[in-house]
Protein backbone atom coordinates (compact mmCIF):
# COMPACT_ATOMS: atom_id res chain seq x y z
CA MET A 1 129.75 145.12 180.50
CA PRO A 2 130.38 147.07 184.27
CA PRO A 3 126.90 148.54 185.68
CA MET A 4 125.06 151.28 184.19
CA TRP A 5 124.25 152.95 187.29
CA SER A 6 127.65 153.79 189.13
CA ALA A 7 127.46 157.36 189.40
CA PRO A 8 129.79 158.56 186.73
CA PRO A 9 132.28 161.51 187.49
CA CYS A 10 130.36 164.70 186.18
CA ARG A 11 132.10 167.99 185.74
CA SER A 12 130.04 171.61 186.11
CA VAL A 13 130.53 173.83 183.08
CA SER A 14 131.55 176.55 185.72
CA ALA A 15 134.63 174.54 186.56
CA MET A 16 135.67 174.72 182.53
CA PRO A 17 138.21 176.72 180.59
CA LEU A 18 136.57 180.30 180.13
CA ALA A 19 138.31 181.32 177.20
CA LEU A 20 135.28 181.68 174.83
CA PRO A 21 134.73 181.82 171.28
CA PRO A 22 132.33 184.83 170.43
CA ILE A 23 128.41 183.69 170.22
CA PRO A 24 126.92 184.44 166.75
CA LEU A 25 124.28 186.63 167.02
CA ARG A 26 121.20 184.47 166.27
CA ARG A 27 122.70 182.39 168.88
CA ARG A 28 122.94 185.48 171.42
CA ARG A 29 119.38 185.86 170.70
CA VAL A 30 118.35 182.68 171.49
CA LEU A 31 120.35 182.63 175.17
CA GLN A 32 118.29 186.25 175.84
CA TRP A 33 115.59 184.65 174.98
CA LEU A 34 115.91 182.16 177.43
CA ALA A 35 117.14 184.45 180.23
CA ALA A 36 113.94 186.66 179.52
CA SER A 37 111.63 183.55 180.18
CA GLY A 38 113.34 182.23 183.17
CA ALA A 39 113.59 185.54 184.96
CA GLY A 40 111.24 184.17 187.99
CA TRP A 41 107.84 185.48 186.79
CA ALA A 42 104.93 184.38 189.25
CA MET A 43 101.53 182.78 188.63
CA PRO A 44 99.17 184.40 191.08
CA ALA A 45 96.28 182.86 191.27
CA LEU A 46 93.39 184.85 190.40
CA ALA A 47 89.79 185.26 189.62
CA GLN A 48 88.85 185.85 186.13
CA ASP A 49 88.05 189.21 187.09
CA GLY A 50 91.56 189.78 188.65
CA VAL A 51 90.21 190.22 192.03
CA ALA A 52 92.28 188.40 194.15
CA PRO A 53 90.16 185.65 195.82
CA ARG A 54 89.45 186.01 199.85
CA LEU A 55 91.76 182.97 200.93
CA SER A 56 92.12 181.41 204.61
CA ALA A 57 96.01 181.00 206.13
CA THR A 58 95.79 177.39 205.52
CA THR A 59 94.76 177.56 201.33
CA GLY A 60 98.04 178.90 200.63
CA LEU A 61 100.09 175.68 198.94
CA ARG A 62 103.80 175.53 198.25
CA VAL A 63 104.43 173.56 195.15
CA VAL A 64 108.22 172.90 193.95
CA VAL A 65 108.14 172.32 190.18
CA PRO A 66 111.71 171.56 188.77
CA GLY A 67 111.61 173.07 185.04
CA LEU A 68 108.79 175.41 186.14
CA HIS A 69 109.34 177.71 182.75
CA ALA A 70 109.29 174.20 180.63
CA THR A 71 106.56 172.96 178.15
CA GLN A 72 105.85 170.13 180.33
CA ALA A 73 104.31 172.48 182.80
CA PHE A 74 101.22 173.29 180.56
CA PRO A 75 98.84 171.79 183.28
CA LEU A 76 100.13 173.74 186.05
CA TRP A 77 99.90 176.89 184.09
CA CYS A 78 96.50 176.06 182.99
CA ALA A 79 95.43 174.81 186.33
CA ASP A 80 96.14 179.32 187.38
CA ARG A 81 95.44 180.67 184.66
CA PHE A 82 92.12 179.46 184.09
CA SER A 83 91.87 180.46 187.69
CA HIS A 84 91.10 176.56 188.53
CA LEU A 85 93.07 176.51 191.64
CA ALA A 86 91.66 180.13 192.83
CA GLN A 87 88.03 178.12 192.28
CA GLN A 88 89.13 175.68 194.58
CA GLY A 89 90.07 178.56 197.29
CA LEU A 90 93.78 177.81 196.81
CA LEU A 91 96.61 180.54 196.71
CA VAL A 92 99.31 178.20 195.28
CA ARG A 93 102.94 179.37 195.63
CA TRP A 94 105.21 177.96 192.62
CA SER A 95 108.78 177.59 193.01
CA ASP A 96 111.69 176.16 190.55
CA GLU A 97 114.26 174.32 191.25
CA ALA A 98 117.94 172.69 189.01
CA THR A 99 116.39 169.41 189.68
CA ASP A 100 113.89 166.66 191.18
CA ALA A 101 116.28 165.72 193.79
CA LEU A 102 116.33 169.18 194.68
CA ALA A 103 112.84 169.29 194.85
CA LEU A 104 112.41 165.98 196.82
CA GLN A 105 115.00 167.07 199.53
CA LYS A 106 112.52 170.67 200.12
CA LEU A 107 109.57 168.17 200.74
CA GLN A 108 111.69 166.28 203.35
CA ARG A 109 113.14 169.31 205.14
CA GLY A 110 109.76 170.83 205.17
CA GLU A 111 110.15 173.50 202.97
CA ALA A 112 107.63 173.18 200.21
CA ASP A 113 104.31 170.71 200.09
CA LEU A 114 104.26 168.72 197.38
CA ALA A 115 106.29 168.25 194.64
CA VAL A 116 106.25 167.74 190.54
CA VAL A 117 108.71 165.59 189.76
CA GLY A 118 109.56 162.74 187.76
CA LEU A 119 108.79 159.19 188.18
CA PRO A 120 112.01 157.83 188.04
CA SER A 121 113.41 160.32 190.47
CA LEU A 122 111.18 159.78 193.19
CA LEU A 123 112.35 156.06 192.74
CA THR A 124 115.89 157.04 193.30
CA GLY A 125 115.42 160.25 195.18
CA ALA A 126 113.60 159.90 198.10
CA THR A 127 115.95 158.05 199.72
CA ASP A 128 113.98 157.23 203.24
CA GLY A 129 111.87 154.64 201.10
CA PRO A 130 108.58 154.42 199.77
CA GLY A 131 106.60 154.61 203.45
CA PRO A 132 106.43 158.28 203.92
CA TRP A 133 105.90 159.52 200.05
CA ARG A 134 102.40 159.02 198.02
CA VAL A 135 101.81 159.95 194.19
CA LEU A 136 98.57 161.48 194.34
CA MET A 137 98.29 161.68 190.28
CA GLN A 138 100.45 161.55 187.07
CA LEU A 139 100.80 164.42 184.67
CA TRP A 140 102.76 163.26 181.76
CA ARG A 141 103.33 159.70 180.72
CA SER A 142 106.81 159.84 179.19
CA PRO A 143 110.48 162.28 180.48
CA GLN A 144 110.33 164.04 177.96
CA SER A 145 113.75 164.62 177.47
CA VAL A 146 115.89 164.41 174.68
CA LEU A 147 119.55 163.64 173.76
CA LEU A 148 120.78 166.01 171.02
CA VAL A 149 124.33 165.85 169.69
CA SER A 150 126.04 168.44 168.62
CA ARG A 151 127.43 168.36 164.23
CA ARG A 152 130.82 170.18 165.32
CA ALA A 153 131.15 166.74 167.49
CA VAL A 154 129.51 164.26 165.50
CA GLU A 155 129.03 165.29 161.71
CA ARG A 156 126.08 162.99 161.57
CA TYR A 157 125.22 160.89 164.19
CA LEU A 158 123.88 157.15 163.49
CA ALA A 159 124.79 155.04 166.17
CA PRO A 160 125.23 154.94 170.12
CA THR A 161 129.07 154.13 169.43
CA GLN A 162 129.86 157.62 168.55
CA LEU A 163 129.00 158.61 171.55
CA SER A 164 132.07 157.29 173.55
CA GLY A 165 134.58 159.96 174.39
CA LEU A 166 131.77 162.55 174.11
CA ARG A 167 130.73 165.37 176.79
CA ILE A 168 127.41 164.59 177.27
CA GLY A 169 125.14 167.69 179.55
CA ILE A 170 122.97 166.42 181.89
CA GLY A 171 120.98 168.65 184.65
CA ALA A 172 122.89 166.59 187.25
CA PRO A 173 124.83 163.66 188.22
CA GLY A 174 121.56 160.63 188.45
CA ALA A 175 118.83 163.12 187.39
CA ALA A 176 116.24 161.25 186.00
CA ALA A 177 116.47 162.91 182.49
CA SER A 178 119.97 161.77 182.05
CA HIS A 179 118.15 158.32 181.78
CA THR A 180 117.62 159.27 178.64
CA ALA A 181 121.07 159.43 178.05
CA TRP A 182 122.03 155.93 179.42
CA ALA A 183 119.56 154.29 177.69
CA VAL A 184 121.11 155.27 174.54
CA LEU A 185 124.39 154.17 175.63
CA HIS A 186 123.13 150.98 176.78
CA LYS A 187 121.28 150.38 173.54
CA GLY A 188 125.06 150.49 171.87
CA GLY A 189 126.67 148.20 174.45
CA VAL A 190 128.33 151.85 175.80
CA THR A 191 128.94 152.48 179.37
CA THR A 192 128.31 155.35 181.38
CA GLN A 193 132.21 155.28 182.08
CA ALA A 194 133.41 155.72 178.27
CA VAL A 195 131.75 159.59 178.35
CA ASN A 196 132.30 162.29 179.65
CA TRP A 197 129.48 164.00 182.16
CA VAL A 198 129.09 167.67 182.42
CA SER A 199 126.43 168.64 185.24
CA LEU A 200 124.39 171.78 183.21
CA GLY A 201 121.77 172.89 186.10
CA ALA A 202 118.70 174.41 184.66
CA GLN A 203 118.06 175.00 181.35
CA GLU A 204 119.48 177.92 181.07
CA GLY A 205 123.36 175.98 181.43
CA ALA A 206 122.04 173.56 178.07
CA LEU A 207 122.34 176.67 175.64
CA SER A 208 125.46 178.75 177.28
CA ALA A 209 127.37 175.35 177.22
CA LEU A 210 126.48 174.54 173.20
CA ALA A 211 126.89 177.81 172.31
CA HIS A 212 130.35 178.16 173.53
CA MET A 213 131.12 174.72 172.48
CA GLN A 214 131.81 173.04 175.85
CA VAL A 215 129.51 169.94 175.48
CA ASP A 216 129.28 167.37 172.43
CA ALA A 217 125.61 166.21 173.32
CA LEU A 218 123.30 167.29 175.89
CA VAL A 219 119.91 166.27 177.18
CA ALA A 220 117.39 169.06 177.35
CA GLN A 221 113.54 169.77 177.36
CA ASP A 222 111.81 171.88 175.30
CA PRO A 223 111.15 174.58 174.82
CA VAL A 224 115.29 174.61 174.83
CA VAL A 225 114.52 171.62 172.28
CA ASN A 226 113.22 173.38 169.86
CA LEU A 227 115.23 176.61 169.76
CA LEU A 228 118.42 173.91 169.45
CA GLU A 229 117.12 172.64 166.60
CA ARG A 230 115.71 175.57 165.16
CA ASP A 231 118.83 177.92 166.19
CA PHE A 232 122.30 175.17 166.59
CA PRO A 233 123.84 172.54 164.83
CA VAL A 234 122.24 169.77 166.54
CA GLN A 235 120.77 166.25 165.50
CA ILE A 236 118.81 164.40 167.15
CA ALA A 237 119.66 160.67 168.80
CA ALA A 238 116.92 159.95 170.90
CA ASP A 239 113.47 162.06 171.81
CA THR A 240 111.13 160.66 174.23
CA ARG A 241 108.48 163.52 174.01
CA THR A 242 106.37 160.90 172.25
CA LEU A 243 104.99 158.18 173.92
CA GLN A 244 106.64 156.33 170.69
CA GLY A 245 109.64 157.28 171.11
CA SER A 246 109.90 156.96 174.59
CA ARG A 247 108.64 153.53 174.37
CA ALA A 248 111.29 152.85 171.36
CA LEU A 249 114.00 153.93 173.49
CA PHE A 250 113.05 152.25 176.78
CA GLY A 251 111.32 149.38 175.20
CA GLY A 252 108.65 149.94 177.28
CA ASP A 253 106.77 152.71 179.33
CA TYR A 254 108.55 154.69 181.38
CA GLY A 255 106.98 156.91 184.04
CA GLY A 256 106.69 161.12 183.29
CA THR A 257 105.79 163.67 186.04
CA CYS A 258 103.87 163.18 188.58
CA LEU A 259 102.39 165.15 191.64
CA VAL A 260 103.92 163.82 195.17
CA ALA A 261 103.87 164.45 198.83
CA ARG A 262 104.90 163.79 202.08
CA THR A 263 102.22 160.95 203.90
CA ALA A 264 102.56 163.45 207.21
CA TRP A 265 101.58 167.06 205.02
CA LEU A 266 98.65 165.12 203.56
CA GLY A 267 96.67 163.25 206.64
CA ALA A 268 96.95 167.04 207.86
CA ASN A 269 96.15 168.71 204.51
CA PRO A 270 93.46 166.20 202.84
CA GLN A 271 91.56 168.68 201.52
CA PRO A 272 94.09 171.62 199.94
CA ALA A 273 95.66 168.03 198.80
CA GLN A 274 92.34 167.08 197.04
CA ALA A 275 91.63 170.55 195.69
CA LEU A 276 94.94 170.79 194.16
CA VAL A 277 94.16 167.64 192.37
CA LEU A 278 91.18 168.72 191.17
CA ALA A 279 92.36 171.34 189.43
CA LEU A 280 94.97 169.71 187.82
CA ALA A 281 92.84 166.98 186.40
CA ARG A 282 90.54 169.50 185.15
CA ALA A 283 93.22 170.93 183.55
CA LEU A 284 94.17 167.85 182.02
CA LYS A 285 90.86 167.16 180.70
CA TRP A 286 90.86 170.54 178.90
CA LEU A 287 94.23 170.45 177.18
CA GLN A 288 93.53 166.44 175.31
CA THR A 289 90.52 169.10 173.32
CA ALA A 290 92.26 171.95 173.42
CA GLN A 291 92.52 174.04 169.75
CA THR A 292 96.16 175.54 169.05
CA SER A 293 94.29 178.90 169.10
CA ASP A 294 93.16 178.61 172.74
CA LEU A 295 97.00 177.07 173.89
CA ALA A 296 97.64 180.49 173.96
CA LYS A 297 95.23 181.65 176.86
CA VAL A 298 97.08 179.17 179.33
CA LEU A 299 100.63 180.77 178.88
CA PRO A 300 102.00 183.07 181.28
CA ALA A 301 101.52 186.39 179.79
CA GLN A 302 105.31 187.43 180.95
CA LEU A 303 106.23 185.19 178.05
CA GLY A 304 105.49 186.99 175.33
CA VAL A 305 104.16 186.58 171.67
CA GLY A 306 107.41 185.11 170.28
CA LYS A 307 107.96 182.82 173.51
CA GLN A 308 104.31 181.56 173.74
CA ALA A 309 104.87 180.72 170.39
CA ASP A 310 107.75 178.53 170.51
CA HIS A 311 106.48 176.55 174.18
CA ILE A 312 102.49 176.25 171.75
CA LEU A 313 104.41 174.54 169.18
CA ALA A 314 106.50 172.15 171.53
CA PHE A 315 103.18 171.43 173.16
CA GLU A 316 102.04 169.82 169.75
CA LYS A 317 104.75 167.97 169.47
CA ALA A 318 103.82 166.72 173.12
CA ARG A 319 100.60 166.45 173.26
CA GLY A 320 100.12 162.60 172.75
CA ALA A 321 102.32 162.25 176.23
CA LEU A 322 100.14 163.43 178.65
CA SER A 323 98.26 162.05 181.15
CA VAL A 324 94.73 160.87 179.49
CA ASP A 325 92.98 161.10 183.24
CA GLY A 326 95.62 161.49 185.60
CA ALA A 327 96.03 158.38 186.75
CA LEU A 328 99.54 156.13 187.91
CA ARG A 329 98.48 152.48 187.70
CA PRO A 330 100.87 149.62 189.15
CA ASP A 331 101.02 148.78 186.05
CA ASP A 332 102.64 152.22 184.75
CA LEU A 333 105.12 151.46 188.07
CA VAL A 334 105.67 148.20 186.98
CA ALA A 335 107.19 149.28 184.16
CA THR A 336 109.20 151.75 184.94
CA LEU A 337 110.76 149.45 187.45
CA ALA A 338 111.35 146.72 184.71
CA VAL A 339 113.21 149.55 182.51
CA MET A 340 115.05 150.47 185.70
CA ASP A 341 116.45 147.30 186.16
CA ARG A 342 117.27 146.81 182.55
CA LEU A 343 119.39 149.66 182.71
CA GLN A 344 120.85 148.76 185.88
CA ILE A 345 119.54 151.65 187.67
CA THR A 346 118.58 150.58 191.28
CA PRO A 347 115.54 152.30 193.02
CA VAL A 348 115.55 153.15 196.54
CA GLU A 349 114.89 149.90 198.52
CA GLY A 350 111.30 149.28 199.35
CA ASP A 351 107.76 147.98 198.24
CA TRP A 352 106.71 150.96 195.59
CA ARG A 353 103.02 149.85 195.26
CA ARG A 354 102.79 151.33 198.99
CA ALA A 355 103.91 154.82 197.47
CA LEU A 356 100.33 155.13 194.71
CA ALA A 357 97.82 156.60 195.93
CA PRO A 358 94.96 156.69 193.31
CA GLN A 359 91.91 157.85 195.89
CA TRP A 360 93.04 161.42 195.24
CA ILE A 361 92.54 161.19 191.49
CA GLU A 362 89.95 158.84 191.29
CA GLN A 363 87.67 161.23 193.75
CA ALA A 364 89.06 164.29 191.45
CA ARG A 365 87.57 162.48 187.68
CA GLY A 366 84.47 161.72 189.87
CA GLN A 367 83.90 165.11 190.48
CA LEU A 368 84.40 166.33 186.91
CA ALA A 369 82.04 163.57 185.65
CA GLY A 370 79.99 164.61 188.67
């Protein structure tokens, strides 16, 4: 079988014919939902009385988060809305990106201080090797991505072989979320060259492409997955939102999102980095036991009640995959590399154990326990 990781050709939806059928009313509402939720709202770090804390110029942080409006951003929302960041004297400027690869490039260029990206994305996208990178903590223990198949293309999905010849939408060529689709193909003995890859960019592209029948299947994350299940004729081929589903697909643990930074920046800014890790560790601890009725307090008010309900439903499904203590251990790294090896996905050369920096989360856990 040809290698699974061979950068298969991928076309963009923007290059497709634009003679599109009208979108049914219910689906138009879904598209309007996503457009509104991704309108670029900010998450200002405010004290609970609504007054901005007095900050020095050195306390500002630039954190890039692909999928800033996705459900997996819950720990970030929690840290911000409950003023964990303000309590640490931090003013965080969050920015979104379409893919993890673009986020890593921002760090390499010095346009951001830290990034929240998938562990597999770091292993394949940090082109300068493990030396300049450090993983400070883990937020999720699974990729949180889902492969959905349109019933228009496959009336009843039963096996990966049915995907052969179909158009599969992914965020971008080589994006870690697309590993979910590659793992499905691998299990069925289908090569990546046997399907047509379509680059969708951000999650807005996923809904639009499916609504306009530009793809037959796609990889998406919540709350988009919930919206698609509710309002589109789709079926789930693989689901990594839970640890059970992720392990069933990948044959073992496969890394989720982590907080990463460059070693040079960490050396010059240890206190702000530690403060951010502590704020996120406190958020993870709260989310472990938060009641459903409490989760709405975390969500940005700009989302509105209806969109908040969608995010809460999505989070409840995935809660078990949330990191318990924020630690990324050597065994987690080894397990992820083993899965990549089986899928013939080649990480950037180097000893990636050097990139693990457990002291940051260990210190934060010590402070929380004290």
